Amino acid sequence: MHHTGIDNSLIAIDTYLTNGISPEKANLGFAFYVKWYRTDGDCSLEPIGCKTALMEDPKTGKDLGTSGSFSWHDKVPKELEKSFHTALNNREWDNDGNYYWDAEEKIFWSWDTPASMAEKFPAIVKRRKLGGVFAWGLGEDADGYLHLKTLNALFRKYLKPYVLPSHQLY
């Protein structure tokens, strides 16, 4: 499953709105990092929603290292390099998010691109009339701040920047 897909983002936002958060006080977070999961079995027909490999020890809860994330500026872990570069060159879009399933390594990759971010803004932020956006990990962005620049441009396009009166800040 996409770690920041449109459908699940809408479900999360709608849960907050249904429980009383006013749209203008709600914000959507955009992930500035890469997420991966090892899968269990053949996911070639339906990689979205494919069963993941066991992620935690059932008795101790210890992380088994079958999923993870890393920043765009990080050195890609050696054991993931080949798969990640394959994912970058062969990514897919399914109207919910950007992804790639590596059949050889059995790894599902999910990350945002400027194009996927541009899809989310009208589908979620504008549609639900949200008050703003934020970055999950500003320091995790790519060299040159590609995701931040994209988010700023989308903010200017879809939301009118405003300053709260000082009495509303406290």
N, C-alpha and C. Protein backbone atom coordinates (compact mmCIF):
# COMPACT_ATOMS: atom_id res chain seq x y z
N MET A 1 0.85 -1.17 0.00
CA MET A 1 0.00 0.00 0.00
C MET A 1 0.89 1.23 0.00
N HIS A 2 0.40 2.29 -0.59
CA HIS A 2 1.15 3.55 -0.60
C HIS A 2 1.25 4.08 0.83
N HIS A 3 2.40 4.56 1.19
CA HIS A 3 2.51 5.09 2.55
C HIS A 3 1.95 6.50 2.64
N THR A 4 1.74 7.17 1.52
CA THR A 4 1.13 8.50 1.54
C THR A 4 0.10 8.64 0.41
N GLY A 5 -0.62 7.59 0.12
CA GLY A 5 -1.57 7.61 -0.98
C GLY A 5 -2.74 8.56 -0.77
N ILE A 6 -3.36 8.95 -1.85
CA ILE A 6 -4.50 9.86 -1.80
C ILE A 6 -5.66 9.26 -1.01
N ASP A 7 -6.01 8.01 -1.31
CA ASP A 7 -7.17 7.38 -0.65
C ASP A 7 -7.01 7.32 0.87
N ASN A 8 -5.87 6.82 1.34
CA ASN A 8 -5.66 6.73 2.78
C ASN A 8 -5.52 8.11 3.43
N SER A 9 -4.96 9.05 2.71
CA SER A 9 -4.87 10.42 3.23
C SER A 9 -6.27 11.02 3.40
N LEU A 10 -7.15 10.77 2.43
CA LEU A 10 -8.53 11.25 2.55
C LEU A 10 -9.24 10.59 3.73
N ILE A 11 -9.03 9.30 3.92
CA ILE A 11 -9.64 8.60 5.06
C ILE A 11 -9.18 9.24 6.37
N ALA A 12 -7.89 9.51 6.48
CA ALA A 12 -7.36 10.11 7.71
C ALA A 12 -7.92 11.52 7.92
N ILE A 13 -7.88 12.35 6.88
CA ILE A 13 -8.40 13.72 6.99
C ILE A 13 -9.89 13.69 7.33
N ASP A 14 -10.65 12.84 6.65
CA ASP A 14 -12.09 12.76 6.91
C ASP A 14 -12.39 12.31 8.33
N THR A 15 -11.55 11.47 8.90
CA THR A 15 -11.73 11.04 10.29
C THR A 15 -11.61 12.24 11.22
N TYR A 16 -10.61 13.07 10.99
CA TYR A 16 -10.46 14.28 11.82
C TYR A 16 -11.63 15.23 11.63
N LEU A 17 -12.03 15.45 10.38
CA LEU A 17 -13.12 16.38 10.11
C LEU A 17 -14.43 15.88 10.71
N THR A 18 -14.69 14.58 10.60
CA THR A 18 -15.90 13.98 11.15
C THR A 18 -15.94 14.10 12.67
N ASN A 19 -14.78 14.12 13.29
CA ASN A 19 -14.70 14.20 14.74
C ASN A 19 -14.54 15.62 15.27
N GLY A 20 -14.81 16.61 14.41
CA GLY A 20 -14.92 17.97 14.89
C GLY A 20 -13.82 18.95 14.55
N ILE A 21 -12.75 18.52 13.92
CA ILE A 21 -11.72 19.47 13.52
C ILE A 21 -12.26 20.28 12.34
N SER A 22 -12.18 21.59 12.43
CA SER A 22 -12.65 22.40 11.31
C SER A 22 -11.60 22.34 10.19
N PRO A 23 -12.05 22.30 8.93
CA PRO A 23 -11.12 22.16 7.81
C PRO A 23 -10.00 23.19 7.80
N GLU A 24 -10.32 24.43 8.15
CA GLU A 24 -9.28 25.47 8.10
C GLU A 24 -8.19 25.27 9.16
N LYS A 25 -8.44 24.41 10.14
CA LYS A 25 -7.42 24.11 11.16
C LYS A 25 -6.71 22.79 10.88
N ALA A 26 -7.13 22.09 9.84
CA ALA A 26 -6.51 20.81 9.49
C ALA A 26 -5.42 21.02 8.45
N ASN A 27 -4.38 20.25 8.55
CA ASN A 27 -3.25 20.31 7.62
C ASN A 27 -2.93 18.92 7.09
N LEU A 28 -2.44 18.86 5.88
CA LEU A 28 -2.01 17.59 5.29
C LEU A 28 -0.49 17.54 5.26
N GLY A 29 0.06 16.45 5.77
CA GLY A 29 1.51 16.27 5.75
C GLY A 29 1.97 15.61 4.47
N PHE A 30 3.09 16.07 3.95
CA PHE A 30 3.72 15.49 2.76
C PHE A 30 5.05 14.87 3.18
N ALA A 31 5.24 13.61 2.83
CA ALA A 31 6.46 12.89 3.21
C ALA A 31 7.62 13.28 2.30
N PHE A 32 8.70 13.70 2.90
CA PHE A 32 9.90 14.07 2.16
C PHE A 32 10.95 12.96 2.26
N TYR A 33 10.52 11.71 2.28
CA TYR A 33 11.42 10.57 2.41
C TYR A 33 10.89 9.39 1.60
N VAL A 34 11.68 8.35 1.52
CA VAL A 34 11.35 7.13 0.76
C VAL A 34 10.98 6.04 1.76
N LYS A 35 9.93 5.27 1.45
CA LYS A 35 9.49 4.17 2.31
C LYS A 35 9.56 2.86 1.52
N TRP A 36 9.96 1.77 2.19
CA TRP A 36 10.01 0.46 1.54
C TRP A 36 9.54 -0.63 2.50
N TYR A 37 9.00 -1.71 1.92
CA TYR A 37 8.52 -2.87 2.68
C TYR A 37 8.91 -4.14 1.92
N ARG A 38 9.37 -5.14 2.60
CA ARG A 38 9.55 -6.46 1.97
C ARG A 38 8.18 -7.11 1.90
N THR A 39 7.92 -7.82 0.81
CA THR A 39 6.62 -8.46 0.62
C THR A 39 6.74 -9.97 0.78
N ASP A 40 5.59 -10.59 0.99
CA ASP A 40 5.52 -12.03 1.20
C ASP A 40 4.75 -12.66 0.04
N GLY A 41 5.44 -13.41 -0.79
CA GLY A 41 4.77 -14.07 -1.91
C GLY A 41 4.84 -13.27 -3.19
N ASP A 42 4.14 -13.77 -4.19
CA ASP A 42 4.12 -13.16 -5.52
C ASP A 42 3.09 -12.03 -5.54
N CYS A 43 3.56 -10.83 -5.77
CA CYS A 43 2.68 -9.67 -5.80
C CYS A 43 2.55 -9.10 -7.21
N SER A 44 2.96 -9.87 -8.21
CA SER A 44 3.01 -9.34 -9.58
C SER A 44 1.65 -8.91 -10.12
N LEU A 45 0.57 -9.59 -9.73
CA LEU A 45 -0.75 -9.22 -10.24
C LEU A 45 -1.33 -8.02 -9.51
N GLU A 46 -1.10 -7.93 -8.21
CA GLU A 46 -1.64 -6.82 -7.42
C GLU A 46 -0.63 -6.38 -6.36
N PRO A 47 0.34 -5.56 -6.75
CA PRO A 47 1.33 -5.13 -5.76
C PRO A 47 0.74 -4.21 -4.68
N ILE A 48 -0.31 -3.46 -5.02
CA ILE A 48 -0.95 -2.60 -4.03
C ILE A 48 -1.78 -3.48 -3.10
N GLY A 49 -1.48 -3.43 -1.83
CA GLY A 49 -2.19 -4.25 -0.86
C GLY A 49 -1.59 -5.63 -0.68
N CYS A 50 -0.46 -5.88 -1.31
CA CYS A 50 0.22 -7.17 -1.18
C CYS A 50 0.63 -7.39 0.28
N LYS A 51 0.57 -8.62 0.71
CA LYS A 51 0.95 -8.96 2.08
C LYS A 51 2.43 -8.65 2.30
N THR A 52 2.72 -8.03 3.42
CA THR A 52 4.12 -7.74 3.76
C THR A 52 4.74 -8.94 4.47
N ALA A 53 6.05 -8.99 4.42
CA ALA A 53 6.77 -9.97 5.22
C ALA A 53 6.57 -9.60 6.69
N LEU A 54 6.77 -10.54 7.57
CA LEU A 54 6.64 -10.28 9.00
C LEU A 54 7.58 -9.14 9.38
N MET A 55 7.03 -8.10 10.02
CA MET A 55 7.83 -6.91 10.33
C MET A 55 8.34 -6.89 11.76
N GLU A 56 7.63 -7.54 12.67
CA GLU A 56 8.03 -7.54 14.07
C GLU A 56 7.95 -8.94 14.64
N ASP A 57 8.84 -9.25 15.56
CA ASP A 57 8.79 -10.53 16.24
C ASP A 57 7.48 -10.59 17.03
N PRO A 58 6.66 -11.61 16.81
CA PRO A 58 5.36 -11.68 17.49
C PRO A 58 5.45 -11.75 19.02
N LYS A 59 6.56 -12.22 19.55
CA LYS A 59 6.70 -12.35 21.00
C LYS A 59 7.31 -11.11 21.64
N THR A 60 8.33 -10.56 20.99
CA THR A 60 9.06 -9.44 21.62
C THR A 60 8.72 -8.08 21.03
N GLY A 61 8.15 -8.06 19.82
CA GLY A 61 7.87 -6.80 19.15
C GLY A 61 9.09 -6.20 18.48
N LYS A 62 10.22 -6.91 18.51
CA LYS A 62 11.46 -6.42 17.92
C LYS A 62 11.30 -6.25 16.41
N ASP A 63 11.80 -5.14 15.90
CA ASP A 63 11.78 -4.87 14.46
C ASP A 63 12.66 -5.89 13.76
N LEU A 64 12.13 -6.52 12.71
CA LEU A 64 12.86 -7.55 11.99
C LEU A 64 13.60 -7.02 10.77
N GLY A 65 13.55 -5.71 10.54
CA GLY A 65 14.31 -5.11 9.44
C GLY A 65 13.74 -5.37 8.06
N THR A 66 12.44 -5.65 7.99
CA THR A 66 11.82 -5.94 6.69
C THR A 66 11.07 -4.74 6.13
N SER A 67 11.23 -3.60 6.75
CA SER A 67 10.66 -2.35 6.23
C SER A 67 11.53 -1.22 6.75
N GLY A 68 11.40 -0.09 6.11
CA GLY A 68 12.17 1.05 6.57
C GLY A 68 11.96 2.27 5.71
N SER A 69 12.72 3.28 6.00
CA SER A 69 12.65 4.52 5.23
C SER A 69 14.03 5.17 5.27
N PHE A 70 14.24 6.08 4.35
CA PHE A 70 15.47 6.86 4.37
C PHE A 70 15.24 8.18 3.67
N SER A 71 16.07 9.13 4.01
CA SER A 71 15.99 10.48 3.44
C SER A 71 16.58 10.49 2.04
N TRP A 72 16.15 11.46 1.25
CA TRP A 72 16.66 11.60 -0.11
C TRP A 72 18.15 11.90 -0.13
N HIS A 73 18.65 12.57 0.89
CA HIS A 73 20.07 12.92 0.90
C HIS A 73 20.93 11.84 1.57
N ASP A 74 20.30 10.81 2.14
CA ASP A 74 21.05 9.72 2.76
C ASP A 74 21.70 8.83 1.71
N LYS A 75 22.75 8.17 2.12
CA LYS A 75 23.33 7.13 1.28
C LYS A 75 22.34 5.96 1.35
N VAL A 76 21.96 5.45 0.19
CA VAL A 76 21.02 4.33 0.14
C VAL A 76 21.71 3.11 0.75
N PRO A 77 21.03 2.41 1.67
CA PRO A 77 21.64 1.21 2.24
C PRO A 77 22.11 0.25 1.14
N LYS A 78 23.30 -0.27 1.29
CA LYS A 78 23.94 -1.11 0.27
C LYS A 78 23.02 -2.22 -0.23
N GLU A 79 22.35 -2.91 0.69
CA GLU A 79 21.50 -4.04 0.31
C GLU A 79 20.24 -3.62 -0.46
N LEU A 80 19.96 -2.31 -0.50
CA LEU A 80 18.77 -1.81 -1.19
C LEU A 80 19.11 -1.03 -2.46
N GLU A 81 20.38 -0.76 -2.69
CA GLU A 81 20.80 0.11 -3.81
C GLU A 81 20.22 -0.32 -5.16
N LYS A 82 20.44 -1.57 -5.54
CA LYS A 82 20.00 -2.05 -6.85
C LYS A 82 18.48 -1.92 -6.98
N SER A 83 17.76 -2.37 -5.98
CA SER A 83 16.30 -2.32 -6.02
C SER A 83 15.80 -0.88 -6.08
N PHE A 84 16.40 0.00 -5.28
CA PHE A 84 15.95 1.39 -5.26
C PHE A 84 16.18 2.07 -6.61
N HIS A 85 17.33 1.86 -7.21
CA HIS A 85 17.59 2.48 -8.51
C HIS A 85 16.66 1.92 -9.59
N THR A 86 16.34 0.64 -9.48
CA THR A 86 15.35 0.05 -10.39
C THR A 86 14.00 0.72 -10.18
N ALA A 87 13.63 0.92 -8.92
CA ALA A 87 12.35 1.56 -8.59
C ALA A 87 12.28 2.98 -9.15
N LEU A 88 13.35 3.74 -8.98
CA LEU A 88 13.36 5.12 -9.49
C LEU A 88 13.17 5.17 -11.01
N ASN A 89 13.75 4.22 -11.70
CA ASN A 89 13.68 4.20 -13.17
C ASN A 89 12.42 3.55 -13.73
N ASN A 90 11.67 2.85 -12.89
CA ASN A 90 10.50 2.11 -13.38
C ASN A 90 9.23 2.38 -12.57
N ARG A 91 9.20 3.48 -11.85
CA ARG A 91 8.06 3.75 -10.97
C ARG A 91 6.75 3.78 -11.74
N GLU A 92 5.68 3.56 -10.99
CA GLU A 92 4.34 3.56 -11.56
C GLU A 92 3.45 4.50 -10.77
N TRP A 93 2.38 4.93 -11.41
CA TRP A 93 1.37 5.79 -10.78
C TRP A 93 0.02 5.13 -11.02
N ASP A 94 -0.80 5.03 -9.99
CA ASP A 94 -2.10 4.36 -10.13
C ASP A 94 -3.28 5.22 -9.69
N ASN A 95 -3.19 6.52 -9.83
CA ASN A 95 -4.21 7.48 -9.41
C ASN A 95 -4.37 7.58 -7.90
N ASP A 96 -3.50 6.93 -7.15
CA ASP A 96 -3.51 7.03 -5.70
C ASP A 96 -2.12 7.39 -5.18
N GLY A 97 -1.10 6.96 -5.87
CA GLY A 97 0.24 7.24 -5.42
C GLY A 97 1.30 6.68 -6.34
N ASN A 98 2.50 7.05 -6.04
CA ASN A 98 3.68 6.66 -6.79
C ASN A 98 4.27 5.42 -6.11
N TYR A 99 4.64 4.40 -6.89
CA TYR A 99 5.17 3.18 -6.29
C TYR A 99 5.96 2.35 -7.29
N TYR A 100 6.61 1.33 -6.76
CA TYR A 100 7.23 0.30 -7.60
C TYR A 100 7.33 -0.97 -6.78
N TRP A 101 7.00 -2.10 -7.39
CA TRP A 101 7.21 -3.39 -6.74
C TRP A 101 8.32 -4.11 -7.47
N ASP A 102 9.37 -4.43 -6.73
CA ASP A 102 10.53 -5.14 -7.27
C ASP A 102 10.29 -6.64 -7.08
N ALA A 103 9.95 -7.32 -8.18
CA ALA A 103 9.64 -8.75 -8.12
C ALA A 103 10.85 -9.59 -7.74
N GLU A 104 12.02 -9.18 -8.18
CA GLU A 104 13.23 -9.95 -7.90
C GLU A 104 13.58 -9.91 -6.41
N GLU A 105 13.55 -8.72 -5.83
CA GLU A 105 13.91 -8.55 -4.42
C GLU A 105 12.71 -8.64 -3.47
N LYS A 106 11.51 -8.65 -4.04
CA LYS A 106 10.26 -8.65 -3.26
C LYS A 106 10.22 -7.46 -2.30
N ILE A 107 10.40 -6.28 -2.89
CA ILE A 107 10.35 -5.03 -2.12
C ILE A 107 9.34 -4.10 -2.79
N PHE A 108 8.45 -3.55 -1.97
CA PHE A 108 7.49 -2.54 -2.43
C PHE A 108 8.05 -1.18 -2.01
N TRP A 109 8.16 -0.27 -2.97
CA TRP A 109 8.67 1.08 -2.74
C TRP A 109 7.54 2.09 -2.87
N SER A 110 7.56 3.13 -2.02
CA SER A 110 6.56 4.18 -2.08
C SER A 110 7.21 5.51 -1.71
N TRP A 111 6.98 6.54 -2.53
CA TRP A 111 7.55 7.86 -2.27
C TRP A 111 6.78 8.89 -3.08
N ASP A 112 6.90 10.13 -2.66
CA ASP A 112 6.27 11.23 -3.38
C ASP A 112 7.24 11.85 -4.37
N THR A 113 6.69 12.24 -5.50
CA THR A 113 7.42 12.99 -6.52
C THR A 113 6.70 14.33 -6.67
N PRO A 114 7.29 15.31 -7.34
CA PRO A 114 6.56 16.54 -7.60
C PRO A 114 5.21 16.27 -8.29
N ALA A 115 5.18 15.32 -9.20
CA ALA A 115 3.92 15.01 -9.91
C ALA A 115 2.88 14.42 -8.96
N SER A 116 3.28 13.53 -8.06
CA SER A 116 2.30 12.95 -7.14
C SER A 116 1.84 13.99 -6.13
N MET A 117 2.73 14.88 -5.73
CA MET A 117 2.34 15.96 -4.83
C MET A 117 1.32 16.87 -5.51
N ALA A 118 1.51 17.13 -6.80
CA ALA A 118 0.58 17.98 -7.56
C ALA A 118 -0.78 17.32 -7.69
N GLU A 119 -0.85 16.00 -7.68
CA GLU A 119 -2.13 15.29 -7.71
C GLU A 119 -2.84 15.39 -6.36
N LYS A 120 -2.09 15.34 -5.28
CA LYS A 120 -2.68 15.35 -3.94
C LYS A 120 -3.32 16.69 -3.58
N PHE A 121 -2.72 17.76 -4.02
CA PHE A 121 -3.22 19.08 -3.62
C PHE A 121 -4.69 19.28 -4.00
N PRO A 122 -5.06 19.17 -5.28
CA PRO A 122 -6.48 19.36 -5.60
C PRO A 122 -7.36 18.24 -5.06
N ALA A 123 -6.83 17.01 -5.00
CA ALA A 123 -7.63 15.86 -4.56
C ALA A 123 -7.91 15.87 -3.06
N ILE A 124 -7.04 16.48 -2.29
CA ILE A 124 -7.20 16.45 -0.83
C ILE A 124 -7.29 17.85 -0.24
N VAL A 125 -6.25 18.65 -0.40
CA VAL A 125 -6.18 19.96 0.26
C VAL A 125 -7.28 20.89 -0.24
N LYS A 126 -7.40 21.02 -1.55
CA LYS A 126 -8.42 21.91 -2.11
C LYS A 126 -9.82 21.33 -1.91
N ARG A 127 -9.97 20.04 -2.20
CA ARG A 127 -11.28 19.39 -2.11
C ARG A 127 -11.87 19.47 -0.70
N ARG A 128 -11.02 19.31 0.32
CA ARG A 128 -11.50 19.34 1.71
C ARG A 128 -11.34 20.73 2.34
N LYS A 129 -10.84 21.69 1.56
CA LYS A 129 -10.67 23.08 2.02
C LYS A 129 -9.83 23.15 3.29
N LEU A 130 -8.70 22.43 3.25
CA LEU A 130 -7.82 22.39 4.42
C LEU A 130 -7.09 23.72 4.59
N GLY A 131 -6.68 23.97 5.81
CA GLY A 131 -6.02 25.22 6.13
C GLY A 131 -4.56 25.29 5.75
N GLY A 132 -3.93 24.14 5.57
CA GLY A 132 -2.51 24.20 5.25
C GLY A 132 -1.89 22.84 5.02
N VAL A 133 -0.58 22.88 4.91
CA VAL A 133 0.21 21.67 4.66
C VAL A 133 1.48 21.74 5.50
N PHE A 134 2.14 20.62 5.65
CA PHE A 134 3.43 20.61 6.32
C PHE A 134 4.28 19.48 5.76
N ALA A 135 5.56 19.54 6.07
CA ALA A 135 6.51 18.54 5.58
C ALA A 135 6.83 17.56 6.69
N TRP A 136 6.76 16.28 6.35
CA TRP A 136 7.27 15.25 7.25
C TRP A 136 8.76 15.14 6.96
N GLY A 137 9.52 15.87 7.69
CA GLY A 137 10.95 15.78 7.57
C GLY A 137 11.57 16.74 6.58
N LEU A 138 11.51 18.03 6.87
CA LEU A 138 12.12 19.02 5.99
C LEU A 138 13.58 18.67 5.72
N GLY A 139 14.28 18.23 6.74
CA GLY A 139 15.68 17.86 6.59
C GLY A 139 15.89 16.58 5.80
N GLU A 140 14.81 15.90 5.44
CA GLU A 140 14.92 14.67 4.65
C GLU A 140 14.76 14.91 3.16
N ASP A 141 14.57 16.14 2.78
CA ASP A 141 14.33 16.46 1.37
C ASP A 141 15.58 16.24 0.54
N ALA A 142 15.37 16.17 -0.76
CA ALA A 142 16.46 15.96 -1.72
C ALA A 142 17.37 17.19 -1.77
N ASP A 143 18.56 16.97 -2.31
CA ASP A 143 19.44 18.11 -2.55
C ASP A 143 18.68 19.11 -3.40
N GLY A 144 18.82 20.38 -3.09
CA GLY A 144 18.12 21.41 -3.83
C GLY A 144 16.69 21.62 -3.36
N TYR A 145 16.27 20.88 -2.34
CA TYR A 145 14.93 21.02 -1.76
C TYR A 145 13.81 20.89 -2.80
N LEU A 146 13.89 19.87 -3.62
CA LEU A 146 12.90 19.63 -4.67
C LEU A 146 11.48 19.52 -4.13
N HIS A 147 11.29 18.77 -3.05
CA HIS A 147 9.95 18.58 -2.50
C HIS A 147 9.43 19.88 -1.86
N LEU A 148 10.30 20.59 -1.15
CA LEU A 148 9.89 21.85 -0.53
C LEU A 148 9.51 22.87 -1.60
N LYS A 149 10.29 22.99 -2.64
CA LYS A 149 9.97 23.93 -3.72
C LYS A 149 8.63 23.57 -4.36
N THR A 150 8.40 22.28 -4.55
CA THR A 150 7.12 21.83 -5.13
C THR A 150 5.97 22.18 -4.19
N LEU A 151 6.13 21.88 -2.90
CA LEU A 151 5.09 22.16 -1.93
C LEU A 151 4.79 23.65 -1.84
N ASN A 152 5.83 24.49 -1.85
CA ASN A 152 5.62 25.94 -1.82
C ASN A 152 4.87 26.42 -3.05
N ALA A 153 5.21 25.91 -4.22
CA ALA A 153 4.53 26.32 -5.45
C ALA A 153 3.06 25.89 -5.42
N LEU A 154 2.79 24.70 -4.93
CA LEU A 154 1.40 24.22 -4.85
C LEU A 154 0.62 25.02 -3.81
N PHE A 155 1.26 25.36 -2.71
CA PHE A 155 0.62 26.18 -1.69
C PHE A 155 0.19 27.52 -2.28
N ARG A 156 1.11 28.16 -3.00
CA ARG A 156 0.78 29.46 -3.61
C ARG A 156 -0.33 29.32 -4.65
N LYS A 157 -0.37 28.20 -5.35
CA LYS A 157 -1.39 28.00 -6.39
C LYS A 157 -2.77 27.75 -5.79
N TYR A 158 -2.85 26.94 -4.73
CA TYR A 158 -4.15 26.50 -4.23
C TYR A 158 -4.63 27.15 -2.94
N LEU A 159 -3.73 27.68 -2.15
CA LEU A 159 -4.11 28.29 -0.87
C LEU A 159 -3.66 29.74 -0.85
N LYS A 160 -4.47 30.59 -0.26
CA LYS A 160 -4.09 31.99 -0.13
C LYS A 160 -3.34 32.14 1.19
N PRO A 161 -2.06 32.47 1.10
CA PRO A 161 -1.31 32.67 2.35
C PRO A 161 -1.93 33.82 3.15
N TYR A 162 -2.02 33.62 4.43
CA TYR A 162 -2.56 34.66 5.29
C TYR A 162 -1.79 34.66 6.60
N VAL A 163 -1.90 35.76 7.29
CA VAL A 163 -1.27 35.90 8.59
C VAL A 163 -2.37 35.99 9.62
N LEU A 164 -2.26 35.18 10.66
CA LEU A 164 -3.25 35.23 11.73
C LEU A 164 -3.08 36.52 12.53
N PRO A 165 -4.18 37.14 12.93
CA PRO A 165 -4.06 38.28 13.84
C PRO A 165 -3.34 37.81 15.11
N SER A 166 -2.56 38.69 15.71
CA SER A 166 -1.74 38.30 16.85
C SER A 166 -2.56 37.72 18.00
N HIS A 167 -3.81 38.16 18.19
CA HIS A 167 -4.61 37.64 19.29
C HIS A 167 -5.01 36.18 19.06
N GLN A 168 -4.91 35.67 17.83
CA GLN A 168 -5.25 34.27 17.55
C GLN A 168 -4.05 33.34 17.67
N LEU A 169 -2.88 33.89 17.92
CA LEU A 169 -1.68 33.06 18.02
C LEU A 169 -1.52 32.42 19.40
N TYR A 170 -2.27 32.90 20.38
CA TYR A 170 -2.10 32.40 21.75
C TYR A 170 -3.31 31.64 22.21
